[in-house]
Amino acid sequence: MSIVVLETARLCLLHLEEADAPFILELLNEPAFLRDIGDKGVRSLDDARNYIASGPIASYHEHGFGLLRVELKATGEPIGMCGLLKRDALDHPDLGYAFLQRHWFNGYAIEAARATMQHASEVLGLREVLAITAQENPSSIRVLEKLGFHFDRNVLLPNYETPSRLFVWNPESEIATQST
């Protein structure tokens, strides 16, 4: 049984577990994921189980946070993942999210990410969170801007061939965004 970490009006965000391997296999092989986030080399259920164990589950234990499975509250259908990552190449945790394309344009990314950012600030006490996007990912950039993230600079991260856009969020920028 997965641990529910966050709930919104329409979504539940839960710890990923080995049983989520079929969903992760599908999500990580969608064309938009491969184009905008990158190829994680997940081609089988065993690869997906290894990805879950060495990524999200390891992060829960090491950092107290990680990517979470996002599911529709009404049906329990997994639709994406959202959460915080801690990359060695970045000074602060960063927000990550990906959703199955058939669930795009329903506001789920903003809803899940807003709950994640509130948790980051109020529960985890984080005063700064980063986010990275591909250079040409206008949908993700719009989500980040709606959440109060601001573009900082381009960065070349390890294992990436091209620079990514780096965005920064802090609670003060979020308050300023809500008041405008």
C-alpha atoms as a PDB file:
ATOM      1  CA  MET A   1       0.000   0.000   0.000  1.00  0.00           C
ATOM      2  CA  SER A   2       1.496   3.322  -1.100  1.00  0.00           C
ATOM      3  CA  ILE A   3       1.887   6.161   1.355  1.00  0.00           C
ATOM      4  CA  VAL A   4      -0.250   9.200   0.507  1.00  0.00           C
ATOM      5  CA  VAL A   5       2.012  12.215   0.902  1.00  0.00           C
ATOM      6  CA  LEU A   6      -0.176  15.006  -0.490  1.00  0.00           C
ATOM      7  CA  GLU A   7      -3.770  15.486  -1.570  1.00  0.00           C
ATOM      8  CA  THR A   8      -5.422  18.182  -3.636  1.00  0.00           C
ATOM      9  CA  ALA A   9      -9.016  18.618  -4.749  1.00  0.00           C
ATOM     10  CA  ARG A  10      -8.548  16.152  -7.631  1.00  0.00           C
ATOM     11  CA  LEU A  11      -5.246  14.376  -7.003  1.00  0.00           C
ATOM     12  CA  CYS A  12      -3.353  12.141  -4.603  1.00  0.00           C
ATOM     13  CA  LEU A  13       0.445  12.161  -4.583  1.00  0.00           C
ATOM     14  CA  LEU A  14       1.891   8.918  -3.248  1.00  0.00           C
ATOM     15  CA  HIS A  15       5.267   7.261  -2.789  1.00  0.00           C
ATOM     16  CA  LEU A  16       6.263   5.276  -5.836  1.00  0.00           C
ATOM     17  CA  GLU A  17       6.754   1.569  -5.216  1.00  0.00           C
ATOM     18  CA  GLU A  18       7.807  -1.487  -7.187  1.00  0.00           C
ATOM     19  CA  ALA A  19       4.205  -2.188  -8.247  1.00  0.00           C
ATOM     20  CA  ASP A  20       4.266   1.086 -10.227  1.00  0.00           C
ATOM     21  CA  ALA A  21       6.730  -0.382 -12.744  1.00  0.00           C
ATOM     22  CA  PRO A  22       4.185  -0.721 -15.625  1.00  0.00           C
ATOM     23  CA  PHE A  23       3.131   2.907 -15.218  1.00  0.00           C
ATOM     24  CA  ILE A  24       6.758   4.144 -15.029  1.00  0.00           C
ATOM     25  CA  LEU A  25       7.673   2.094 -18.104  1.00  0.00           C
ATOM     26  CA  GLU A  26       4.877   3.804 -20.053  1.00  0.00           C
ATOM     27  CA  LEU A  27       5.584   7.330 -18.770  1.00  0.00           C
ATOM     28  CA  LEU A  28       9.356   7.267 -19.294  1.00  0.00           C
ATOM     29  CA  ASN A  29       8.949   6.068 -22.882  1.00  0.00           C
ATOM     30  CA  GLU A  30       6.433   8.645 -24.064  1.00  0.00           C
ATOM     31  CA  PRO A  31       7.823  10.775 -26.918  1.00  0.00           C
ATOM     32  CA  ALA A  32       7.447  14.030 -24.933  1.00  0.00           C
ATOM     33  CA  PHE A  33       9.305  12.573 -21.933  1.00  0.00           C
ATOM     34  CA  LEU A  34      12.149  11.368 -24.125  1.00  0.00           C
ATOM     35  CA  ARG A  35      12.323  14.737 -25.933  1.00  0.00           C
ATOM     36  CA  ASP A  36      11.905  17.124 -22.990  1.00  0.00           C
ATOM     37  CA  ILE A  37      13.358  15.225 -20.022  1.00  0.00           C
ATOM     38  CA  GLY A  38      15.612  12.606 -21.519  1.00  0.00           C
ATOM     39  CA  ASP A  39      16.068   8.919 -22.118  1.00  0.00           C
ATOM     40  CA  LYS A  40      16.427   7.139 -18.780  1.00  0.00           C
ATOM     41  CA  GLY A  41      17.129   3.791 -20.476  1.00  0.00           C
ATOM     42  CA  VAL A  42      13.979   2.206 -19.059  1.00  0.00           C
ATOM     43  CA  ARG A  43      12.910  -0.419 -21.606  1.00  0.00           C
ATOM     44  CA  SER A  44      11.506  -3.249 -19.467  1.00  0.00           C
ATOM     45  CA  LEU A  45       9.602  -3.806 -16.245  1.00  0.00           C
ATOM     46  CA  ASP A  46      12.892  -4.753 -14.563  1.00  0.00           C
ATOM     47  CA  ASP A  47      14.407  -1.440 -15.736  1.00  0.00           C
ATOM     48  CA  ALA A  48      11.367   0.392 -14.347  1.00  0.00           C
ATOM     49  CA  ARG A  49      11.645  -1.380 -10.980  1.00  0.00           C
ATOM     50  CA  ASN A  50      15.359  -0.474 -10.839  1.00  0.00           C
ATOM     51  CA  TYR A  51      14.553   3.154 -11.727  1.00  0.00           C
ATOM     52  CA  ILE A  52      11.999   3.322  -8.892  1.00  0.00           C
ATOM     53  CA  ALA A  53      14.333   1.680  -6.354  1.00  0.00           C
ATOM     54  CA  SER A  54      17.467   3.658  -7.199  1.00  0.00           C
ATOM     55  CA  GLY A  55      15.684   6.972  -7.798  1.00  0.00           C
ATOM     56  CA  PRO A  56      12.510   7.842  -5.901  1.00  0.00           C
ATOM     57  CA  ILE A  57      12.715   5.218  -3.140  1.00  0.00           C
ATOM     58  CA  ALA A  58      16.403   5.925  -2.476  1.00  0.00           C
ATOM     59  CA  SER A  59      15.593   9.651  -2.363  1.00  0.00           C
ATOM     60  CA  TYR A  60      12.771   9.155   0.173  1.00  0.00           C
ATOM     61  CA  HIS A  61      15.270   7.469   2.491  1.00  0.00           C
ATOM     62  CA  GLU A  62      18.206   9.811   1.859  1.00  0.00           C
ATOM     63  CA  HIS A  63      16.480  13.198   1.602  1.00  0.00           C
ATOM     64  CA  GLY A  64      12.955  12.744   2.969  1.00  0.00           C
ATOM     65  CA  PHE A  65      11.457  13.623  -0.417  1.00  0.00           C
ATOM     66  CA  GLY A  66      11.423  12.392  -4.009  1.00  0.00           C
ATOM     67  CA  LEU A  67       9.265  11.992  -7.076  1.00  0.00           C
ATOM     68  CA  LEU A  68       5.725  10.900  -6.231  1.00  0.00           C
ATOM     69  CA  ARG A  69       3.107   9.058  -8.267  1.00  0.00           C
ATOM     70  CA  VAL A  70       0.244  11.412  -9.116  1.00  0.00           C
ATOM     71  CA  GLU A  71      -3.125   9.731  -9.428  1.00  0.00           C
ATOM     72  CA  LEU A  72      -6.681  10.874  -9.959  1.00  0.00           C
ATOM     73  CA  LYS A  73      -8.429  10.895  -6.605  1.00  0.00           C
ATOM     74  CA  ALA A  74     -11.739   9.776  -8.122  1.00  0.00           C
ATOM     75  CA  THR A  75     -10.405   6.667  -9.894  1.00  0.00           C
ATOM     76  CA  GLY A  76      -6.901   5.942  -8.589  1.00  0.00           C
ATOM     77  CA  GLU A  77      -5.550   6.048 -12.154  1.00  0.00           C
ATOM     78  CA  PRO A  78      -1.861   7.046 -12.244  1.00  0.00           C
ATOM     79  CA  ILE A  79      -1.409  10.050 -14.538  1.00  0.00           C
ATOM     80  CA  GLY A  80       2.083  11.335 -13.813  1.00  0.00           C
ATOM     81  CA  MET A  81       4.753  12.008 -11.242  1.00  0.00           C
ATOM     82  CA  CYS A  82       5.726  15.143  -9.390  1.00  0.00           C
ATOM     83  CA  GLY A  83       8.061  15.896  -6.533  1.00  0.00           C
ATOM     84  CA  LEU A  84      11.445  17.115  -5.444  1.00  0.00           C
ATOM     85  CA  LEU A  85      14.833  15.788  -6.497  1.00  0.00           C
ATOM     86  CA  LYS A  86      18.280  16.499  -5.112  1.00  0.00           C
ATOM     87  CA  ARG A  87      20.863  16.479  -7.873  1.00  0.00           C
ATOM     88  CA  ASP A  88      24.557  16.612  -7.010  1.00  0.00           C
ATOM     89  CA  ALA A  89      25.076  19.275  -9.685  1.00  0.00           C
ATOM     90  CA  LEU A  90      22.561  21.710  -8.146  1.00  0.00           C
ATOM     91  CA  ASP A  91      22.864  23.547  -4.832  1.00  0.00           C
ATOM     92  CA  HIS A  92      19.192  23.166  -3.886  1.00  0.00           C
ATOM     93  CA  PRO A  93      16.427  20.604  -4.469  1.00  0.00           C
ATOM     94  CA  ASP A  94      14.574  20.934  -7.751  1.00  0.00           C
ATOM     95  CA  LEU A  95      10.975  20.407  -8.726  1.00  0.00           C
ATOM     96  CA  GLY A  96      10.339  17.670 -11.262  1.00  0.00           C
ATOM     97  CA  TYR A  97       7.146  16.573 -12.949  1.00  0.00           C
ATOM     98  CA  ALA A  98       5.980  14.558 -15.926  1.00  0.00           C
ATOM     99  CA  PHE A  99       2.496  13.539 -16.972  1.00  0.00           C
ATOM    100  CA  LEU A 100       1.117  11.096 -19.505  1.00  0.00           C
ATOM    101  CA  GLN A 101       0.275  13.117 -22.606  1.00  0.00           C
ATOM    102  CA  ARG A 102      -3.344  12.006 -22.573  1.00  0.00           C
ATOM    103  CA  HIS A 103      -3.718  13.945 -19.293  1.00  0.00           C
ATOM    104  CA  TRP A 104      -2.129  17.203 -20.434  1.00  0.00           C
ATOM    105  CA  PHE A 105      -4.092  20.478 -20.485  1.00  0.00           C
ATOM    106  CA  ASN A 106      -6.239  19.651 -17.459  1.00  0.00           C
ATOM    107  CA  GLY A 107      -4.291  21.708 -14.921  1.00  0.00           C
ATOM    108  CA  TYR A 108      -2.909  18.612 -13.194  1.00  0.00           C
ATOM    109  CA  ALA A 109       0.742  19.668 -13.423  1.00  0.00           C
ATOM    110  CA  ILE A 110       0.048  23.019 -11.763  1.00  0.00           C
ATOM    111  CA  GLU A 111      -2.197  21.434  -9.128  1.00  0.00           C
ATOM    112  CA  ALA A 112       0.355  18.751  -8.211  1.00  0.00           C
ATOM    113  CA  ALA A 113       3.327  21.118  -8.360  1.00  0.00           C
ATOM    114  CA  ARG A 114       1.587  23.781  -6.250  1.00  0.00           C
ATOM    115  CA  ALA A 115       0.908  21.177  -3.539  1.00  0.00           C
ATOM    116  CA  THR A 116       4.533  20.025  -3.785  1.00  0.00           C
ATOM    117  CA  MET A 117       5.839  23.571  -3.418  1.00  0.00           C
ATOM    118  CA  GLN A 118       3.580  24.283  -0.449  1.00  0.00           C
ATOM    119  CA  HIS A 119       4.864  21.090   1.206  1.00  0.00           C
ATOM    120  CA  ALA A 120       8.465  22.086   0.369  1.00  0.00           C
ATOM    121  CA  SER A 121       8.023  25.446   2.069  1.00  0.00           C
ATOM    122  CA  GLU A 122       5.714  24.675   4.989  1.00  0.00           C
ATOM    123  CA  VAL A 123       6.740  21.128   5.943  1.00  0.00           C
ATOM    124  CA  LEU A 124      10.285  20.701   4.664  1.00  0.00           C
ATOM    125  CA  GLY A 125      11.220  24.323   5.404  1.00  0.00           C
ATOM    126  CA  LEU A 126      12.926  24.850   2.058  1.00  0.00           C
ATOM    127  CA  ARG A 127      13.659  28.511   1.338  1.00  0.00           C
ATOM    128  CA  GLU A 128      14.712  27.964  -2.277  1.00  0.00           C
ATOM    129  CA  VAL A 129      13.740  25.382  -4.885  1.00  0.00           C
ATOM    130  CA  LEU A 130      15.089  25.101  -8.411  1.00  0.00           C
ATOM    131  CA  ALA A 131      13.600  23.687 -11.595  1.00  0.00           C
ATOM    132  CA  ILE A 132      15.125  22.801 -14.936  1.00  0.00           C
ATOM    133  CA  THR A 133      13.535  22.537 -18.352  1.00  0.00           C
ATOM    134  CA  ALA A 134      14.646  21.789 -21.845  1.00  0.00           C
ATOM    135  CA  GLN A 135      15.414  24.942 -23.826  1.00  0.00           C
ATOM    136  CA  GLU A 136      12.307  24.482 -25.953  1.00  0.00           C
ATOM    137  CA  ASN A 137       9.579  23.343 -23.565  1.00  0.00           C
ATOM    138  CA  PRO A 138       7.060  26.211 -23.467  1.00  0.00           C
ATOM    139  CA  SER A 139       4.391  24.196 -21.613  1.00  0.00           C
ATOM    140  CA  SER A 140       6.715  23.417 -18.717  1.00  0.00           C
ATOM    141  CA  ILE A 141       8.036  26.972 -18.648  1.00  0.00           C
ATOM    142  CA  ARG A 142       4.447  28.293 -18.351  1.00  0.00           C
ATOM    143  CA  VAL A 143       3.778  25.920 -15.437  1.00  0.00           C
ATOM    144  CA  LEU A 144       6.896  27.117 -13.629  1.00  0.00           C
ATOM    145  CA  GLU A 145       6.049  30.779 -14.193  1.00  0.00           C
ATOM    146  CA  LYS A 146       2.514  30.257 -12.866  1.00  0.00           C
ATOM    147  CA  LEU A 147       4.056  28.733  -9.728  1.00  0.00           C
ATOM    148  CA  GLY A 148       6.262  31.777  -9.153  1.00  0.00           C
ATOM    149  CA  PHE A 149       9.533  30.417 -10.549  1.00  0.00           C
ATOM    150  CA  HIS A 150      11.812  32.884 -12.308  1.00  0.00           C
ATOM    151  CA  PHE A 151      14.358  32.123 -15.027  1.00  0.00           C
ATOM    152  CA  ASP A 152      17.893  32.417 -13.652  1.00  0.00           C
ATOM    153  CA  ARG A 153      20.325  31.104 -16.272  1.00  0.00           C
ATOM    154  CA  ASN A 154      21.189  28.288 -18.640  1.00  0.00           C
ATOM    155  CA  VAL A 155      23.164  25.374 -17.150  1.00  0.00           C
ATOM    156  CA  LEU A 156      24.796  22.282 -18.596  1.00  0.00           C
ATOM    157  CA  LEU A 157      24.065  19.381 -16.274  1.00  0.00           C
ATOM    158  CA  PRO A 158      26.030  16.121 -16.208  1.00  0.00           C
ATOM    159  CA  ASN A 159      24.715  13.495 -18.667  1.00  0.00           C
ATOM    160  CA  TYR A 160      22.922  16.132 -20.761  1.00  0.00           C
ATOM    161  CA  GLU A 161      24.135  17.091 -24.227  1.00  0.00           C
ATOM    162  CA  THR A 162      22.574  20.548 -24.310  1.00  0.00           C
ATOM    163  CA  PRO A 163      22.077  23.270 -21.688  1.00  0.00           C
ATOM    164  CA  SER A 164      18.870  23.399 -19.661  1.00  0.00           C
ATOM    165  CA  ARG A 165      16.994  26.441 -18.440  1.00  0.00           C
ATOM    166  CA  LEU A 166      17.364  26.874 -14.666  1.00  0.00           C
ATOM    167  CA  PHE A 167      14.510  28.482 -12.721  1.00  0.00           C
ATOM    168  CA  VAL A 168      14.458  29.587  -9.072  1.00  0.00           C
ATOM    169  CA  TRP A 169      11.595  29.758  -6.555  1.00  0.00           C
ATOM    170  CA  ASN A 170      11.434  31.050  -3.023  1.00  0.00           C
ATOM    171  CA  PRO A 171       8.400  31.751  -0.788  1.00  0.00           C
ATOM    172  CA  GLU A 172       8.711  35.495  -1.326  1.00  0.00           C
ATOM    173  CA  SER A 173       8.496  35.109  -5.130  1.00  0.00           C
ATOM    174  CA  GLU A 174       5.431  32.884  -4.689  1.00  0.00           C
ATOM    175  CA  ILE A 175       3.667  35.541  -2.582  1.00  0.00           C
ATOM    176  CA  ALA A 176       4.518  38.209  -5.153  1.00  0.00           C
ATOM    177  CA  THR A 177       3.114  36.020  -7.954  1.00  0.00           C
ATOM    178  CA  GLN A 178      -0.159  35.402  -6.094  1.00  0.00           C
ATOM    179  CA  SER A 179      -0.711  39.104  -5.481  1.00  0.00           C
ATOM    180  CA  THR A 180      -0.377  40.079  -9.156  1.00  0.00           C
END
